[in-house]
Amino acid sequence: MTNDWRDKLNNLKTDLPQVEETQEVVLAAKPAKKRQVEPLRVELDKRNGKPATLVTDFKGKDDELKDLAKLLKVKCGAGGSSRDGEILVQGDFRVKIAEILLEMGFKVKKINFK
């Protein structure tokens, strides 16, 4: 009796279509826009006694700012916000954010790095 359900399960497994590759959802990093001439400033700030990484001096549309903020927050696994050309990511992610922005083609000015 115990082998009956195992046989049925194995038969079901063989009947399923085989998936060769798994697909991952990856946020596409868009290249830097040509109108962003000035470097983005990446610095550490304290908000209510907690560390926060600020990205400032962004020149572009609000939609582009929100997309960039979302990408940075997802890659860092942290919360944050974006408004008025400024992105705030909760936590100290200065190095990681600077690397991501450089890979995307932005110029980065590092403030208060060790």
Protein backbone atom coordinates (compact mmCIF):
# COMPACT_ATOMS: atom_id res chain seq x y z
CA MET A 1 0.00 0.00 0.00
CA THR A 2 2.72 2.49 0.84
CA ASN A 3 4.28 2.09 -2.60
CA ASP A 4 1.01 2.86 -4.41
CA TRP A 5 1.04 6.59 -3.64
CA ARG A 6 4.76 6.76 -4.36
CA ASP A 7 4.26 5.14 -7.75
CA LYS A 8 1.44 7.54 -8.58
CA LEU A 9 3.57 10.51 -7.52
CA ASN A 10 6.50 9.34 -9.64
CA ASN A 11 4.17 8.88 -12.61
CA LEU A 12 2.89 12.41 -12.18
CA LYS A 13 6.46 13.75 -12.06
CA THR A 14 7.34 12.05 -15.33
CA ASP A 15 4.19 13.39 -16.99
CA LEU A 16 5.03 17.03 -16.16
CA PRO A 17 6.78 19.05 -18.85
CA GLN A 18 10.50 19.44 -18.18
CA VAL A 19 11.72 22.97 -17.61
CA GLU A 20 15.30 23.39 -18.72
CA GLU A 21 16.08 26.86 -17.39
CA THR A 22 14.66 28.89 -14.60
CA GLN A 23 13.87 32.48 -15.33
CA GLU A 24 14.83 35.16 -12.83
CA VAL A 25 13.25 38.55 -12.61
CA VAL A 26 16.04 41.09 -12.89
CA LEU A 27 15.60 44.83 -12.79
CA ALA A 28 17.26 46.19 -15.88
CA ALA A 29 19.84 48.84 -15.19
CA LYS A 30 19.23 51.68 -17.60
CA PRO A 31 22.27 53.58 -18.80
CA ALA A 32 22.78 57.09 -17.50
CA LYS A 33 21.01 59.78 -19.41
CA LYS A 34 23.13 62.31 -21.27
CA ARG A 35 21.59 65.25 -19.42
CA GLN A 36 23.10 64.00 -16.11
CA VAL A 37 26.41 65.84 -16.47
CA GLU A 38 27.14 66.50 -12.81
CA PRO A 39 28.14 63.57 -10.61
CA LEU A 40 25.64 62.11 -8.17
CA ARG A 41 26.64 62.70 -4.55
CA VAL A 42 26.58 59.60 -2.33
CA GLU A 43 26.89 60.28 1.39
CA LEU A 44 25.96 58.96 4.80
CA ASP A 45 23.47 60.87 6.93
CA LYS A 46 21.82 60.25 10.28
CA ARG A 47 18.04 60.33 10.42
CA ASN A 48 16.57 59.95 13.91
CA GLY A 49 19.88 58.47 15.07
CA LYS A 50 19.87 55.77 12.37
CA PRO A 51 22.19 55.64 9.35
CA ALA A 52 20.77 56.54 5.94
CA THR A 53 22.50 56.72 2.56
CA LEU A 54 21.66 59.80 0.50
CA VAL A 55 22.02 60.12 -3.27
CA THR A 56 21.61 63.74 -4.30
CA ASP A 57 22.05 66.07 -7.31
CA PHE A 58 19.96 63.88 -9.65
CA LYS A 59 18.89 65.74 -12.79
CA GLY A 60 16.02 64.15 -14.62
CA LYS A 61 12.32 63.35 -14.55
CA ASP A 62 10.53 62.20 -11.40
CA ASP A 63 9.74 58.85 -13.05
CA GLU A 64 13.44 58.24 -13.70
CA LEU A 65 14.24 59.18 -10.11
CA LYS A 66 11.62 56.75 -8.78
CA ASP A 67 12.89 53.95 -11.04
CA LEU A 68 16.47 54.51 -9.90
CA ALA A 69 15.36 54.65 -6.24
CA LYS A 70 13.44 51.40 -6.62
CA LEU A 71 16.42 49.68 -8.21
CA LEU A 72 18.78 50.84 -5.45
CA LYS A 73 16.37 49.84 -2.67
CA VAL A 74 15.83 46.38 -4.18
CA LYS A 75 19.55 45.76 -4.69
CA CYS A 76 20.29 46.85 -1.12
CA GLY A 77 17.30 45.07 0.38
CA ALA A 78 16.25 48.16 2.29
CA GLY A 79 13.50 50.73 2.43
CA GLY A 80 13.71 54.36 1.53
CA SER A 81 12.16 57.21 -0.40
CA SER A 82 12.76 59.57 -3.30
CA ARG A 83 11.75 63.19 -3.85
CA ASP A 84 13.14 66.46 -5.16
CA GLY A 85 16.17 64.93 -6.86
CA GLU A 86 17.18 63.04 -3.72
CA ILE A 87 17.11 59.31 -2.94
CA LEU A 88 17.23 58.11 0.66
CA VAL A 89 18.04 54.44 1.35
CA GLN A 90 17.76 53.26 4.94
CA GLY A 91 21.10 51.94 6.21
CA ASP A 92 24.77 52.44 5.38
CA PHE A 93 25.05 51.29 1.74
CA ARG A 94 27.49 53.95 0.47
CA VAL A 95 29.94 51.55 -1.16
CA LYS A 96 27.30 49.28 -2.70
CA ILE A 97 25.25 52.16 -4.10
CA ALA A 98 28.36 53.86 -5.51
CA GLU A 99 29.32 50.62 -7.32
CA ILE A 100 25.80 50.19 -8.74
CA LEU A 101 25.69 53.78 -10.00
CA LEU A 102 29.15 53.47 -11.59
CA GLU A 103 28.07 50.27 -13.38
CA MET A 104 25.03 52.13 -14.70
CA GLY A 105 27.26 54.84 -16.17
CA PHE A 106 26.70 57.63 -13.67
CA LYS A 107 29.53 59.73 -12.32
CA VAL A 108 29.73 59.47 -8.55
CA LYS A 109 31.15 61.89 -5.99
CA LYS A 110 31.83 60.05 -2.75
CA ILE A 111 31.25 62.06 0.42
CA ASN A 112 32.40 60.80 3.87
CA PHE A 113 33.82 57.51 2.58
CA LYS A 114 36.46 55.76 4.64
